[in-house]
């Protein structure tokens, strides 16, 4: 049962393409979290294909903190409840998908002072997508951990043909990489949660 001290981590499925691999990768990671058995951490999948956002359509910039549209308000409430994020992303043309960029761009304060980790995949492990995503997240004040998981299509998936999604089947070394990444994410998310809580307490005292 979640408590006030529970860390809430979203596993963000960052692709909405039909036939995508991202949902399989997210389920593999969720399996790793269950095997680790960390009761103080609650993981939830947030799938960008389940409740799609239109291309950014707010009149005011996100920094204004005034969201007019219902879909923006729903997305803000979703992001706000989490302390950290694992972004699952493929690599498209040396970067990450537009659907994920759009989702980040919609908000500002809800991202601030939280932690992120990355599981990428692609011909070259998706590492270039993560390098791009780190820069974008830094602008909305998300701290990203060093360790990441990069799955290679030729070795970490099984497929009947080159174009099908196949099955996510990472090697043993990827399990170890995921554990290191999650350990770092939990540490950073916990530290930043304490920072946010302390700041909110100070602001409440000033108002009173």
Protein backbone atom coordinates (compact mmCIF):
# COMPACT_ATOMS: atom_id res chain seq x y z
CA UNK A 1 0.00 0.00 0.00
CA UNK A 2 1.34 3.41 -1.00
CA UNK A 3 2.10 5.91 1.77
CA UNK A 4 3.29 9.49 1.86
CA UNK A 5 6.88 8.19 1.84
CA UNK A 6 6.36 5.92 -1.15
CA UNK A 7 8.28 6.93 -4.26
CA UNK A 8 6.07 6.90 -7.34
CA UNK A 9 7.85 6.13 -10.60
CA UNK A 10 6.21 6.33 -14.03
CA UNK A 11 7.43 4.07 -16.82
CA UNK A 12 6.57 6.26 -19.81
CA UNK A 13 5.94 4.36 -23.05
CA UNK A 14 7.33 6.90 -25.50
CA UNK A 15 6.11 5.52 -28.83
CA UNK A 16 2.60 5.44 -30.27
CA UNK A 17 3.46 3.72 -33.55
CA UNK A 18 1.36 0.69 -34.53
CA UNK A 19 3.57 -2.39 -34.22
CA UNK A 20 5.85 -0.61 -31.76
CA UNK A 21 8.29 -2.38 -29.45
CA UNK A 22 8.07 0.17 -26.63
CA UNK A 23 5.19 -1.54 -24.83
CA UNK A 24 7.13 -4.82 -24.71
CA UNK A 25 10.20 -3.04 -23.38
CA UNK A 26 8.12 -1.34 -20.69
CA UNK A 27 6.64 -4.69 -19.62
CA UNK A 28 10.14 -6.20 -19.46
CA UNK A 29 11.23 -3.37 -17.19
CA UNK A 30 8.14 -3.77 -15.01
CA UNK A 31 9.10 -7.43 -14.65
CA UNK A 32 12.53 -6.36 -13.41
CA UNK A 33 10.93 -4.05 -10.82
CA UNK A 34 8.71 -6.88 -9.53
CA UNK A 35 11.68 -9.22 -9.16
CA UNK A 36 13.62 -6.57 -7.27
CA UNK A 37 10.81 -6.28 -4.68
CA UNK A 38 11.22 -2.70 -3.42
CA UNK A 39 8.03 -2.03 -1.42
CA UNK A 40 8.94 1.62 -0.85
CA UNK A 41 8.69 2.26 -4.61
CA UNK A 42 5.51 2.11 -6.70
CA UNK A 43 5.84 1.77 -10.47
CA UNK A 44 3.09 2.55 -12.98
CA UNK A 45 3.07 2.42 -16.78
CA UNK A 46 2.06 5.68 -18.48
CA UNK A 47 1.37 4.92 -22.13
CA UNK A 48 1.29 7.93 -24.45
CA UNK A 49 -0.81 5.92 -26.93
CA UNK A 50 -3.62 5.31 -24.42
CA UNK A 51 -4.75 8.94 -23.96
CA UNK A 52 -3.09 10.78 -26.86
CA UNK A 53 -2.39 14.50 -26.71
CA UNK A 54 -2.92 16.69 -29.76
CA UNK A 55 0.02 18.76 -30.94
CA UNK A 56 0.62 21.44 -28.32
CA UNK A 57 -2.40 23.74 -28.43
CA UNK A 58 -2.31 25.88 -25.27
CA UNK A 59 -2.45 29.63 -25.82
CA UNK A 60 -0.08 30.38 -22.94
CA UNK A 61 3.39 28.84 -22.56
CA UNK A 62 3.65 26.06 -19.94
CA UNK A 63 5.77 28.27 -17.65
CA UNK A 64 2.65 30.38 -17.07
CA UNK A 65 1.14 27.44 -15.18
CA UNK A 66 -2.35 28.08 -16.57
CA UNK A 67 -3.72 25.16 -18.58
CA UNK A 68 -6.95 25.88 -20.43
CA UNK A 69 -7.59 22.55 -22.11
CA UNK A 70 -9.00 19.47 -20.41
CA UNK A 71 -6.44 17.16 -22.01
CA UNK A 72 -3.62 19.35 -20.69
CA UNK A 73 -5.11 19.36 -17.20
CA UNK A 74 -5.38 15.55 -17.26
CA UNK A 75 -1.77 15.21 -18.40
CA UNK A 76 -0.59 17.70 -15.76
CA UNK A 77 -2.37 15.73 -13.03
CA UNK A 78 -0.76 12.50 -14.28
CA UNK A 79 2.79 13.87 -14.32
CA UNK A 80 2.35 15.73 -11.03
CA UNK A 81 1.66 12.57 -9.03
CA UNK A 82 5.03 10.99 -9.86
CA UNK A 83 8.44 11.55 -8.27
CA UNK A 84 10.49 10.08 -11.10
CA UNK A 85 10.27 8.66 -14.60
CA UNK A 86 11.75 5.94 -16.76
CA UNK A 87 11.36 6.99 -20.39
CA UNK A 88 11.16 4.07 -22.81
CA UNK A 89 12.05 5.38 -26.24
CA UNK A 90 13.04 4.14 -29.67
CA UNK A 91 15.48 6.09 -31.82
CA UNK A 92 14.05 7.86 -34.87
CA UNK A 93 16.64 9.59 -37.08
CA UNK A 94 19.13 10.14 -34.23
CA UNK A 95 16.41 11.43 -31.88
CA UNK A 96 13.30 10.40 -29.97
CA UNK A 97 9.68 10.31 -31.21
CA UNK A 98 7.63 13.46 -31.73
CA UNK A 99 4.87 12.09 -29.48
CA UNK A 100 7.31 12.08 -26.55
CA UNK A 101 8.68 15.56 -27.30
CA UNK A 102 5.10 16.87 -27.47
CA UNK A 103 4.24 15.29 -24.12
CA UNK A 104 7.25 16.92 -22.45
CA UNK A 105 6.56 20.30 -24.03
CA UNK A 106 3.00 20.49 -22.69
CA UNK A 107 4.07 21.06 -19.06
CA UNK A 108 6.66 22.80 -16.93
CA UNK A 109 6.18 22.94 -13.15
CA UNK A 110 4.93 19.35 -13.00
CA UNK A 111 8.33 18.15 -14.29
CA UNK A 112 10.47 20.37 -12.05
CA UNK A 113 12.93 18.86 -9.57
CA UNK A 114 12.21 15.24 -10.44
CA UNK A 115 14.47 12.45 -11.68
CA UNK A 116 14.57 10.50 -14.93
CA UNK A 117 16.16 7.34 -16.30
CA UNK A 118 16.08 5.87 -19.78
CA UNK A 119 15.56 2.58 -21.57
CA UNK A 120 16.14 3.00 -25.30
CA UNK A 121 16.21 0.67 -28.25
CA UNK A 122 17.22 0.73 -31.88
CA UNK A 123 19.79 -0.44 -34.39
CA UNK A 124 22.49 1.24 -32.26
CA UNK A 125 20.73 0.80 -28.93
CA UNK A 126 18.84 4.08 -29.13
CA UNK A 127 21.61 5.91 -27.30
CA UNK A 128 21.44 8.97 -29.56
CA UNK A 129 17.74 9.37 -28.78
CA UNK A 130 18.57 9.48 -25.08
CA UNK A 131 21.28 12.12 -25.59
CA UNK A 132 18.66 14.35 -27.24
CA UNK A 133 16.07 13.62 -24.56
CA UNK A 134 18.47 14.46 -21.72
CA UNK A 135 18.90 17.98 -23.14
CA UNK A 136 15.15 18.55 -23.45
CA UNK A 137 14.44 17.32 -19.92
CA UNK A 138 17.17 19.51 -18.45
CA UNK A 139 15.26 22.56 -19.70
CA UNK A 140 12.20 21.55 -17.63
CA UNK A 141 14.43 20.93 -14.60
CA UNK A 142 14.44 17.14 -14.67
CA UNK A 143 17.66 15.54 -13.40
CA UNK A 144 18.71 12.48 -15.39
CA UNK A 145 20.78 9.65 -13.93
CA UNK A 146 23.94 8.46 -15.60
CA UNK A 147 23.18 4.76 -16.07
CA UNK A 148 20.82 3.73 -18.84
CA UNK A 149 19.72 0.66 -20.76
CA UNK A 150 20.26 0.52 -24.52
CA UNK A 151 18.64 -2.45 -26.25
CA UNK A 152 19.91 -3.43 -29.69
CA UNK A 153 17.41 -4.76 -32.21
CA UNK A 154 19.75 -7.47 -33.46
CA UNK A 155 20.63 -8.93 -30.04
CA UNK A 156 17.92 -7.99 -27.53
CA UNK A 157 14.83 -8.89 -29.58
CA UNK A 158 13.74 -12.01 -31.41
CA UNK A 159 11.75 -11.51 -34.62
CA UNK A 160 10.36 -13.64 -37.42
CA UNK A 161 11.34 -10.91 -39.89
CA UNK A 162 13.25 -7.64 -39.83
CA UNK A 163 10.13 -5.46 -39.83
CA UNK A 164 8.00 -7.16 -37.18
CA UNK A 165 8.05 -6.13 -33.50
CA UNK A 166 9.35 -9.53 -32.43
CA UNK A 167 9.76 -10.22 -28.74
CA UNK A 168 11.82 -8.33 -26.19
CA UNK A 169 14.49 -10.75 -24.91
CA UNK A 170 17.38 -8.79 -23.37
CA UNK A 171 20.58 -10.51 -22.39
CA UNK A 172 21.74 -10.99 -18.81
CA UNK A 173 23.94 -7.89 -18.92
CA UNK A 174 20.87 -5.78 -19.66
CA UNK A 175 19.18 -7.03 -16.47
CA UNK A 176 22.20 -5.85 -14.49
CA UNK A 177 22.19 -2.51 -16.30
CA UNK A 178 18.50 -2.05 -15.50
CA UNK A 179 19.11 -2.74 -11.81
CA UNK A 180 21.95 -0.18 -11.66
CA UNK A 181 19.79 2.37 -13.42
CA UNK A 182 16.83 1.83 -11.09
CA UNK A 183 19.07 2.08 -8.01
CA UNK A 184 20.33 5.46 -9.22
CA UNK A 185 16.82 6.63 -10.09
CA UNK A 186 15.45 5.70 -6.67
CA UNK A 187 18.28 7.57 -4.93
CA UNK A 188 17.84 10.72 -7.01
CA UNK A 189 14.04 10.66 -6.95
CA UNK A 190 14.10 10.30 -3.16
CA UNK A 191 16.53 13.18 -2.71
CA UNK A 192 14.55 15.46 -5.00
CA UNK A 193 11.28 14.55 -3.31
CA UNK A 194 12.78 15.66 0.00
CA UNK A 195 13.91 18.88 -1.63
CA UNK A 196 10.42 19.59 -3.01
CA UNK A 197 8.81 18.74 0.32
CA UNK A 198 11.18 21.03 2.21
CA UNK A 199 10.61 23.86 -0.23
CA UNK A 200 6.82 23.48 0.04
CA UNK A 201 7.06 23.56 3.84
CA UNK A 202 9.15 26.74 3.76
CA UNK A 203 6.69 28.42 1.39
CA UNK A 204 3.76 27.45 3.64
CA UNK A 205 5.54 28.98 6.67
CA UNK A 206 6.18 32.20 4.77
CA UNK A 207 2.51 32.48 3.76
CA UNK A 208 1.41 31.92 7.36
